[in-house]
Amino acid sequence: MTYRTVTSRSLIAVGVLVLSLAAFAAVCVTRPVPLADTRVYRAEGAAVLGGTDPYGTDLYGTGTGPDASGPGTPGTGLAYPPFAAILFVPTTWLSADALKVVFVLGNLALLALLVRLSLRLVARSAAARSGVPPSAATATATVPLPVPLPAVMTLAPAVALGLWLEPVARTILLGEITLALACLVLWDLARPDHALGKGFALGIAAGITLTPALFIVYLLLTSRVRQGLTALAAFTGTVLLGMLVLPYASDEFWTRRIFETDRTGAAWAAGNQSLHGLLARLLHTPEPGAVWAALALLTAAAGLWTARRAVVRSGSETWGILLTALTALLVTPVSWSHEWVWCVPLLAALLAEGRLRTAAVAGAVWTARSFWAVPYEGEPALRLPWWQQPLIAPYALCALALLAHAAWHHTRAPAGDGTPLPRRAPAAKDRPPSSTPGRPLTPR
């Protein structure tokens, strides 16, 4: 059997991707692209090699660190656990300019990988809904969907459009690692439950930055105890390795620095799209305190309950993962806008399910950059009138709306309605010889 490798559709798709990359490159040329966070990672790695305290140096080089005397936000510096600083040692092997090139090209490749993983996740769910064994979900392009996925989101156009989502673009311009972390978590969670070592990559991601740790709770709540314990063991291993290599820094982080929410900037700045930032700006106070703690606990409980409901009652692993990701980004004290790259699999899920209007609204929210239209940081960001609050907290408000809608939808859904859990397909000998219950395997 032969396949056409070049078609008019593939040429158009590649052309759209090339034009998008060219336009993005033009933007980078016409405006300064400091990739400031690559300097931070390089400084963290250098601190490990030099035996200095990574939490006591001005990693941004702007006179704003905890030991700096210049103006700026006190405490600006390393916010990752010591394990992350160990992983950043290889960044010292390259010059600053070479490291920037590696990060830009690497993040472009990671965007393509995140899109691919997102398509695989929704394809597996669609295959299970139509009766196709999950193992065959990625091997066939004929999975019936409410909106045919290959026609809506082929890889090249999806990457071309995803490049302009604000979290993705900001990740590339800052030289961040959020795309890598999202790929690591999504790759691990999208694997079948019986896959060897499922949960290990998730534990590593949680050891680099603590936000993905909520997925461990998600695995345990959805009865994936072995996978959850694997993730917990991997996370514990990262903590022990940090204590072994950097004992003083580990003691400092786990006893003091972990509670400092302003080490990478003021938590009330518009870039912080978590509940903490939303409440700080809404209540006109830099520290919402007990109000935030109560609402964060309530949101975490409601979000995890809804995610479990999506998996156990409605059988949607896709929405279980996405709802947990949104919950984690909401309840963590600081979720900078570039950390919301989970909008990529979210949009893939909405498009695959035929929710085009919802996808259009969500895409507009994560593209519009509305928080640049109001005072972005400093004291003015704490004094915005009520009508400007939606402009400065679009991601948090959109995530809360999606969580509320999902809770309502999965509460109304009857038990067993929706996609069955993606487990190992039954052997042929276990199937009825004359017929297969449910929809036929061959798409109509």
Protein backbone atom coordinates (compact mmCIF):
# COMPACT_ATOMS: atom_id res chain seq x y z
CA MET A 1 0.00 0.00 0.00
CA THR A 2 1.31 3.43 -0.93
CA TYR A 3 0.51 6.75 0.68
CA ARG A 4 0.54 10.23 -0.78
CA THR A 5 3.16 12.15 1.14
CA VAL A 6 2.50 15.53 -0.49
CA THR A 7 -1.00 16.85 -0.99
CA SER A 8 -2.46 20.29 -1.45
CA ARG A 9 -3.73 20.19 2.15
CA SER A 10 -0.32 19.27 3.52
CA LEU A 11 1.34 22.04 1.50
CA ILE A 12 -1.18 24.57 2.81
CA ALA A 13 -0.65 23.34 6.36
CA VAL A 14 3.12 23.65 6.11
CA GLY A 15 2.76 27.06 4.45
CA VAL A 16 0.62 28.31 7.34
CA LEU A 17 3.24 27.08 9.82
CA VAL A 18 6.09 28.75 7.91
CA LEU A 19 4.21 32.06 7.74
CA SER A 20 3.42 31.91 11.45
CA LEU A 21 7.06 31.22 12.34
CA ALA A 22 8.23 34.02 10.05
CA ALA A 23 5.81 36.49 11.65
CA PHE A 24 6.90 35.42 15.13
CA ALA A 25 10.55 35.82 14.14
CA ALA A 26 9.79 39.32 12.84
CA VAL A 27 8.23 40.22 16.19
CA CYS A 28 11.33 38.94 17.99
CA VAL A 29 13.59 41.03 15.74
CA THR A 30 11.61 44.25 16.12
CA ARG A 31 11.32 44.11 19.91
CA PRO A 32 13.78 43.16 22.63
CA VAL A 33 13.67 39.48 23.56
CA PRO A 34 15.83 39.19 26.69
CA LEU A 35 14.95 35.54 27.51
CA ALA A 36 15.57 36.63 31.10
CA ASP A 37 14.73 33.30 32.68
CA THR A 38 17.50 31.52 30.81
CA ARG A 39 19.89 33.71 32.81
CA VAL A 40 18.15 32.57 35.99
CA TYR A 41 18.53 28.88 35.12
CA ARG A 42 22.18 29.43 34.19
CA ALA A 43 22.79 31.25 37.48
CA GLU A 44 21.12 28.41 39.40
CA GLY A 45 23.38 25.86 37.75
CA ALA A 46 26.44 28.05 38.40
CA ALA A 47 25.44 28.36 42.08
CA VAL A 48 25.37 24.55 42.37
CA LEU A 49 28.78 24.20 40.72
CA GLY A 50 30.29 27.03 42.76
CA GLY A 51 28.91 25.81 46.07
CA THR A 52 27.06 29.09 46.74
CA ASP A 53 23.56 29.56 48.09
CA PRO A 54 21.11 29.70 45.15
CA TYR A 55 18.51 31.35 47.39
CA GLY A 56 20.76 34.18 48.52
CA THR A 57 21.94 35.54 45.18
CA ASP A 58 20.44 38.04 42.77
CA LEU A 59 19.72 35.58 39.96
CA TYR A 60 18.04 38.19 37.77
CA GLY A 61 21.07 40.46 37.86
CA THR A 62 18.93 43.53 38.47
CA GLY A 63 19.76 44.41 42.03
CA THR A 64 16.47 42.96 43.26
CA GLY A 65 17.61 39.81 45.00
CA PRO A 66 17.27 39.12 48.71
CA ASP A 67 20.88 40.13 49.30
CA ALA A 68 20.93 42.99 46.84
CA SER A 69 20.95 46.63 47.82
CA GLY A 70 19.38 48.03 44.70
CA PRO A 71 15.72 48.93 44.19
CA GLY A 72 13.14 46.32 43.36
CA THR A 73 10.99 43.68 44.91
CA PRO A 74 12.65 42.09 47.96
CA GLY A 75 13.14 38.38 47.70
CA THR A 76 13.31 38.12 43.91
CA GLY A 77 15.27 35.00 43.05
CA LEU A 78 15.11 31.22 42.83
CA ALA A 79 11.62 29.82 43.53
CA TYR A 80 12.22 26.19 42.48
CA PRO A 81 13.22 23.34 44.81
CA PRO A 82 16.95 22.50 44.97
CA PHE A 83 16.42 19.52 42.64
CA ALA A 84 15.65 21.95 39.81
CA ALA A 85 18.91 23.82 40.39
CA ILE A 86 20.79 20.53 40.02
CA LEU A 87 19.09 19.87 36.69
CA PHE A 88 20.14 23.32 35.44
CA VAL A 89 23.87 22.59 35.79
CA PRO A 90 24.17 21.70 32.04
CA THR A 91 23.03 25.23 31.14
CA THR A 92 26.43 26.46 32.32
CA TRP A 93 28.14 24.47 29.57
CA LEU A 94 26.88 26.92 26.92
CA SER A 95 27.43 30.61 26.43
CA ALA A 96 24.50 32.90 27.21
CA ASP A 97 23.76 33.51 23.51
CA ALA A 98 23.97 29.83 22.60
CA LEU A 99 21.68 28.96 25.50
CA LYS A 100 19.06 31.42 24.24
CA VAL A 101 19.08 29.79 20.80
CA VAL A 102 18.72 26.34 22.37
CA PHE A 103 15.77 27.49 24.48
CA VAL A 104 13.95 29.14 21.56
CA LEU A 105 14.33 26.15 19.24
CA GLY A 106 13.66 23.72 22.06
CA ASN A 107 10.43 25.47 23.07
CA LEU A 108 9.23 25.47 19.46
CA ALA A 109 9.83 21.71 19.33
CA LEU A 110 8.11 21.28 22.70
CA LEU A 111 5.06 23.19 21.45
CA ALA A 112 4.78 20.70 18.57
CA LEU A 113 5.14 17.85 21.06
CA LEU A 114 2.47 19.31 23.36
CA VAL A 115 0.07 19.61 20.42
CA ARG A 116 0.83 16.01 19.43
CA LEU A 117 0.26 14.75 22.97
CA SER A 118 -2.98 16.74 23.18
CA LEU A 119 -4.25 15.21 19.92
CA ARG A 120 -3.29 11.75 21.15
CA LEU A 121 -5.15 12.29 24.43
CA VAL A 122 -8.41 13.41 22.81
CA ALA A 123 -8.09 10.72 20.10
CA ARG A 124 -7.88 8.02 22.76
CA SER A 125 -11.02 9.35 24.43
CA ALA A 126 -12.86 9.58 21.11
CA ALA A 127 -11.76 6.05 20.20
CA ALA A 128 -13.01 4.69 23.50
CA ARG A 129 -16.33 6.50 23.04
CA SER A 130 -16.82 4.90 19.61
CA GLY A 131 -15.73 1.44 20.73
CA VAL A 132 -12.25 1.42 19.22
CA PRO A 133 -9.65 -0.17 21.55
CA PRO A 134 -7.49 2.56 23.17
CA SER A 135 -4.32 0.89 21.86
CA ALA A 136 -5.51 1.58 18.32
CA ALA A 137 -6.51 5.18 18.93
CA THR A 138 -3.28 6.65 17.70
CA ALA A 139 -2.88 4.17 14.88
CA THR A 140 -6.00 5.13 12.97
CA ALA A 141 -7.10 8.41 11.46
CA THR A 142 -10.70 7.26 11.02
CA VAL A 143 -11.89 7.71 14.58
CA PRO A 144 -15.39 9.24 14.38
CA LEU A 145 -15.58 12.58 16.19
CA PRO A 146 -18.33 15.19 16.47
CA VAL A 147 -15.96 17.39 14.47
CA PRO A 148 -13.40 15.36 12.46
CA LEU A 149 -10.13 16.01 14.26
CA PRO A 150 -7.76 15.76 11.26
CA ALA A 151 -9.81 18.45 9.45
CA VAL A 152 -9.87 20.80 12.44
CA MET A 153 -6.47 20.46 14.06
CA THR A 154 -3.73 18.89 11.98
CA LEU A 155 -0.35 19.27 13.57
CA ALA A 156 1.16 22.09 11.48
CA PRO A 157 -1.79 24.53 11.62
CA ALA A 158 -2.29 23.78 15.32
CA VAL A 159 1.33 24.67 16.06
CA ALA A 160 1.05 27.77 13.87
CA LEU A 161 -1.97 29.00 15.83
CA GLY A 162 -0.76 27.80 19.21
CA LEU A 163 2.38 29.90 18.80
CA TRP A 164 0.27 33.05 19.30
CA LEU A 165 -1.45 31.97 22.50
CA GLU A 166 -0.12 34.33 25.15
CA PRO A 167 1.18 31.64 27.56
CA VAL A 168 3.05 29.90 24.73
CA ALA A 169 4.50 33.08 23.26
CA ARG A 170 5.56 34.34 26.68
CA THR A 171 7.19 31.00 27.49
CA ILE A 172 9.31 31.31 24.36
CA LEU A 173 10.13 34.99 24.86
CA LEU A 174 11.16 34.47 28.49
CA GLY A 175 13.02 31.23 27.85
CA GLU A 176 10.83 29.34 30.34
CA ILE A 177 10.47 25.58 31.00
CA THR A 178 6.67 25.42 31.35
CA LEU A 179 6.18 23.70 27.98
CA ALA A 180 8.65 21.00 29.00
CA LEU A 181 6.84 20.44 32.30
CA ALA A 182 3.41 20.26 30.63
CA CYS A 183 4.74 17.73 28.09
CA LEU A 184 6.27 15.63 30.86
CA VAL A 185 3.03 15.51 32.86
CA LEU A 186 0.71 15.03 29.89
CA TRP A 187 2.85 12.28 28.37
CA ASP A 188 2.83 10.36 31.64
CA LEU A 189 -0.86 10.76 32.45
CA ALA A 190 -2.05 10.02 28.92
CA ARG A 191 -0.44 6.58 28.97
CA PRO A 192 -2.59 3.51 29.73
CA ASP A 193 -2.92 2.67 33.40
CA HIS A 194 -0.99 -0.56 32.94
CA ALA A 195 2.02 1.20 31.37
CA LEU A 196 5.32 0.47 33.12
CA GLY A 197 6.35 3.20 35.54
CA LYS A 198 3.32 5.42 34.98
CA GLY A 199 3.56 8.26 37.49
CA PHE A 200 7.36 8.45 37.57
CA ALA A 201 7.61 11.36 35.12
CA LEU A 202 4.85 13.16 37.01
CA GLY A 203 6.85 12.85 40.24
CA ILE A 204 9.92 14.29 38.53
CA ALA A 205 7.87 17.25 37.26
CA ALA A 206 6.55 17.85 40.79
CA GLY A 207 10.15 17.81 42.05
CA ILE A 208 11.09 20.57 39.61
CA THR A 209 8.14 22.81 40.48
CA LEU A 210 5.53 21.91 43.06
CA THR A 211 2.36 22.74 41.09
CA PRO A 212 2.05 19.32 39.33
CA ALA A 213 1.95 17.60 42.76
CA LEU A 214 -1.85 17.97 42.74
CA PHE A 215 -1.94 15.34 39.98
CA ILE A 216 -0.67 12.80 42.53
CA VAL A 217 -3.81 13.42 44.58
CA TYR A 218 -5.85 13.08 41.37
CA LEU A 219 -4.38 9.64 40.67
CA LEU A 220 -5.14 8.45 44.20
CA LEU A 221 -8.70 9.80 44.12
CA THR A 222 -9.39 7.99 40.85
CA SER A 223 -8.22 4.64 42.29
CA ARG A 224 -4.87 4.60 40.45
CA VAL A 225 -3.07 3.85 43.72
CA ARG A 226 -0.03 2.19 42.16
CA GLN A 227 0.51 5.08 39.75
CA GLY A 228 -0.03 7.63 42.50
CA LEU A 229 2.45 5.94 44.82
CA THR A 230 4.96 5.74 41.96
CA ALA A 231 4.65 9.49 41.44
CA LEU A 232 4.96 10.11 45.17
CA ALA A 233 8.07 7.94 45.37
CA ALA A 234 9.66 9.78 42.42
CA PHE A 235 8.87 13.15 44.02
CA THR A 236 10.35 11.98 47.32
CA GLY A 237 13.46 10.88 45.46
CA THR A 238 13.92 14.39 44.04
CA VAL A 239 13.67 15.85 47.54
CA LEU A 240 16.23 13.37 48.92
CA LEU A 241 18.61 14.01 46.02
CA GLY A 242 18.38 17.75 46.68
CA MET A 243 19.14 17.18 50.36
CA LEU A 244 22.12 15.02 49.48
CA VAL A 245 23.68 17.43 46.96
CA LEU A 246 22.53 20.75 48.46
CA PRO A 247 21.81 20.13 52.16
CA TYR A 248 21.91 23.79 53.27
CA ALA A 249 19.81 25.02 50.32
CA SER A 250 17.31 22.19 50.87
CA ASP A 251 16.89 23.10 54.52
CA GLU A 252 16.45 26.74 53.57
CA PHE A 253 13.88 26.01 50.85
CA TRP A 254 11.68 23.50 52.68
CA THR A 255 11.62 25.46 55.94
CA ARG A 256 11.49 29.08 54.74
CA ARG A 257 11.63 29.87 51.03
CA ILE A 258 8.68 27.65 50.12
CA PHE A 259 6.38 30.07 51.95
CA GLU A 260 7.70 33.18 50.15
CA THR A 261 5.26 33.80 47.33
CA ASP A 262 6.96 36.97 46.06
CA ARG A 263 10.41 35.61 45.22
CA THR A 264 9.84 36.00 41.47
CA GLY A 265 7.90 39.25 41.69
CA ALA A 266 4.93 40.85 43.38
CA ALA A 267 2.13 38.30 43.71
CA TRP A 268 -0.50 40.93 42.91
CA ALA A 269 0.99 41.77 39.51
CA ALA A 270 -1.33 41.05 36.58
CA GLY A 271 0.95 38.26 35.40
CA ASN A 272 -0.16 36.19 38.41
CA GLN A 273 -3.38 34.57 37.20
CA SER A 274 -4.03 32.42 40.28
CA LEU A 275 -6.77 32.90 42.85
CA HIS A 276 -4.23 34.60 45.11
CA GLY A 277 -3.47 37.27 42.53
CA LEU A 278 -7.14 37.69 41.63
CA LEU A 279 -8.17 38.24 45.27
CA ALA A 280 -5.22 40.51 46.04
CA ARG A 281 -6.23 42.86 43.21
CA LEU A 282 -9.95 42.55 43.90
CA LEU A 283 -9.59 43.29 47.63
CA HIS A 284 -6.87 45.94 47.06
CA THR A 285 -4.43 44.25 49.43
CA PRO A 286 -1.06 42.63 48.73
CA GLU A 287 -1.91 39.72 51.04
CA PRO A 288 -5.51 38.37 50.97
CA GLY A 289 -4.60 35.96 53.79
CA ALA A 290 -7.42 33.88 55.25
CA VAL A 291 -9.84 34.76 52.46
CA TRP A 292 -7.49 33.27 49.88
CA ALA A 293 -6.69 30.21 52.02
CA ALA A 294 -10.39 29.39 52.47
CA LEU A 295 -11.27 29.87 48.80
CA ALA A 296 -8.17 27.97 47.65
CA LEU A 297 -9.11 24.97 49.82
CA LEU A 298 -12.69 25.11 48.56
CA THR A 299 -11.55 25.37 44.94
CA ALA A 300 -9.08 22.50 45.35
CA ALA A 301 -11.74 20.25 46.86
CA ALA A 302 -14.35 21.18 44.24
CA GLY A 303 -11.89 20.89 41.36
CA LEU A 304 -10.59 17.46 42.41
CA TRP A 305 -14.15 16.26 43.08
CA THR A 306 -15.18 17.38 39.60
CA ALA A 307 -12.10 15.77 38.02
CA ARG A 308 -12.86 12.50 39.81
CA ARG A 309 -16.48 12.76 38.72
CA ALA A 310 -15.40 13.24 35.12
CA VAL A 311 -13.32 10.06 35.22
CA VAL A 312 -15.37 7.75 37.43
CA ARG A 313 -18.91 8.79 36.49
CA SER A 314 -18.56 10.11 32.93
CA GLY A 315 -15.44 8.14 31.97
CA SER A 316 -13.57 11.14 30.53
CA GLU A 317 -9.86 10.86 31.31
CA THR A 318 -9.24 13.91 29.14
CA TRP A 319 -11.36 16.18 31.30
CA GLY A 320 -10.10 14.58 34.48
CA ILE A 321 -6.57 15.65 33.55
CA LEU A 322 -7.57 19.10 32.29
CA LEU A 323 -9.73 19.94 35.31
CA THR A 324 -6.92 18.93 37.66
CA ALA A 325 -4.49 21.14 35.73
CA LEU A 326 -6.82 24.14 35.94
CA THR A 327 -7.37 23.52 39.65
CA ALA A 328 -3.64 23.33 40.32
CA LEU A 329 -3.00 26.60 38.49
CA LEU A 330 -5.79 28.31 40.41
CA VAL A 331 -4.90 27.24 43.95
CA THR A 332 -1.13 27.68 43.83
CA PRO A 333 -0.17 31.11 45.25
CA VAL A 334 1.55 32.24 42.06
CA SER A 335 0.64 31.08 38.54
CA TRP A 336 2.36 33.39 36.08
CA SER A 337 0.65 33.70 32.72
CA HIS A 338 3.27 31.55 30.96
CA GLU A 339 2.34 28.62 33.22
CA TRP A 340 -1.10 28.41 31.60
CA VAL A 341 0.21 26.50 28.56
CA TRP A 342 -2.41 23.89 29.51
CA CYS A 343 -4.70 26.00 27.32
CA VAL A 344 -3.27 24.00 24.37
CA PRO A 345 -4.74 20.60 25.35
CA LEU A 346 -7.84 22.40 26.63
CA LEU A 347 -8.53 23.91 23.20
CA ALA A 348 -7.78 20.55 21.56
CA ALA A 349 -10.40 18.86 23.76
CA LEU A 350 -13.03 21.52 23.07
CA LEU A 351 -12.49 21.37 19.31
CA ALA A 352 -12.48 17.57 19.25
CA GLU A 353 -15.84 17.50 21.05
CA GLY A 354 -17.36 19.98 18.62
CA ARG A 355 -17.70 22.80 21.16
CA LEU A 356 -16.63 25.40 18.64
CA ARG A 357 -18.15 28.46 20.33
CA THR A 358 -16.64 27.57 23.70
CA ALA A 359 -13.29 26.93 22.00
CA ALA A 360 -13.49 30.29 20.24
CA VAL A 361 -14.17 32.12 23.50
CA ALA A 362 -11.40 30.25 25.33
CA GLY A 363 -8.98 30.87 22.45
CA ALA A 364 -9.79 34.58 22.53
CA VAL A 365 -9.21 34.72 26.30
CA TRP A 366 -5.75 33.13 26.00
CA THR A 367 -4.79 35.24 22.99
CA ALA A 368 -6.17 38.71 23.76
CA ARG A 369 -3.55 39.72 26.40
CA SER A 370 -6.20 41.90 28.04
CA PHE A 371 -4.12 42.45 31.18
CA TRP A 372 -1.72 44.59 29.16
CA ALA A 373 -4.54 47.12 28.72
CA VAL A 374 -4.55 48.05 32.43
CA PRO A 375 -1.80 48.95 34.92
CA TYR A 376 0.23 45.76 35.00
CA GLU A 377 2.21 45.82 38.23
CA GLY A 378 3.14 47.89 41.25
CA GLU A 379 0.74 49.90 43.38
CA PRO A 380 -1.62 50.85 40.46
CA ALA A 381 -2.42 47.15 39.92
CA LEU A 382 -3.87 47.08 43.45
CA ARG A 383 -6.14 50.08 42.87
CA LEU A 384 -8.07 49.06 39.76
CA PRO A 385 -11.83 49.77 39.69
CA TRP A 386 -14.24 46.84 39.64
CA TRP A 387 -14.94 47.06 35.90
CA GLN A 388 -11.26 46.52 35.07
CA GLN A 389 -10.94 43.40 37.22
CA PRO A 390 -12.07 40.97 34.47
CA LEU A 391 -9.44 42.44 32.15
CA ILE A 392 -6.60 41.79 34.59
CA ALA A 393 -7.65 38.25 35.61
CA PRO A 394 -8.89 36.57 32.39
CA TYR A 395 -7.25 33.16 32.89
CA ALA A 396 -8.41 32.69 36.47
CA LEU A 397 -11.98 33.74 35.65
CA CYS A 398 -12.09 31.52 32.56
CA ALA A 399 -10.77 28.55 34.55
CA LEU A 400 -13.35 29.11 37.30
CA ALA A 401 -16.12 29.24 34.69
CA LEU A 402 -14.91 26.01 33.08
CA LEU A 403 -14.73 24.28 36.47
CA ALA A 404 -18.26 25.41 37.34
CA HIS A 405 -19.62 24.24 33.98
CA ALA A 406 -17.84 20.89 34.28
CA ALA A 407 -19.20 20.38 37.80
CA TRP A 408 -22.73 21.07 36.57
CA HIS A 409 -22.32 18.84 33.49
CA HIS A 410 -20.82 15.82 35.23
CA THR A 411 -23.32 16.06 38.08
CA ARG A 412 -26.21 15.86 35.63
CA ALA A 413 -24.64 13.09 33.55
CA PRO A 414 -26.07 9.65 34.44
CA ALA A 415 -23.65 7.06 35.77
CA GLY A 416 -21.88 5.29 32.97
CA ASP A 417 -22.62 7.99 30.41
CA GLY A 418 -19.67 9.15 28.35
CA THR A 419 -16.29 7.68 27.62
CA PRO A 420 -15.19 4.53 29.46
CA LEU A 421 -11.88 4.66 31.24
CA PRO A 422 -8.95 4.00 28.85
CA ARG A 423 -7.90 0.61 30.10
CA ARG A 424 -6.36 -2.40 28.38
CA ALA A 425 -8.57 -3.64 25.57
CA PRO A 426 -10.14 -7.06 26.25
CA ALA A 427 -8.58 -10.00 24.51
CA ALA A 428 -10.31 -11.40 21.45
CA LYS A 429 -11.15 -14.62 23.27
CA ASP A 430 -13.09 -12.62 25.89
CA ARG A 431 -15.36 -10.94 23.34
CA PRO A 432 -18.71 -12.40 22.25
CA PRO A 433 -18.17 -14.46 19.08
CA SER A 434 -21.10 -13.07 17.13
CA SER A 435 -21.38 -9.45 18.14
CA THR A 436 -19.71 -6.68 20.08
CA PRO A 437 -21.84 -4.56 22.44
CA GLY A 438 -21.92 -0.85 21.83
CA ARG A 439 -21.08 0.92 18.61
CA PRO A 440 -19.36 -0.96 15.80
CA LEU A 441 -15.60 -0.70 15.52
CA THR A 442 -15.76 0.38 11.90
CA PRO A 443 -16.75 4.04 11.53
CA ARG A 444 -19.86 4.62 9.51
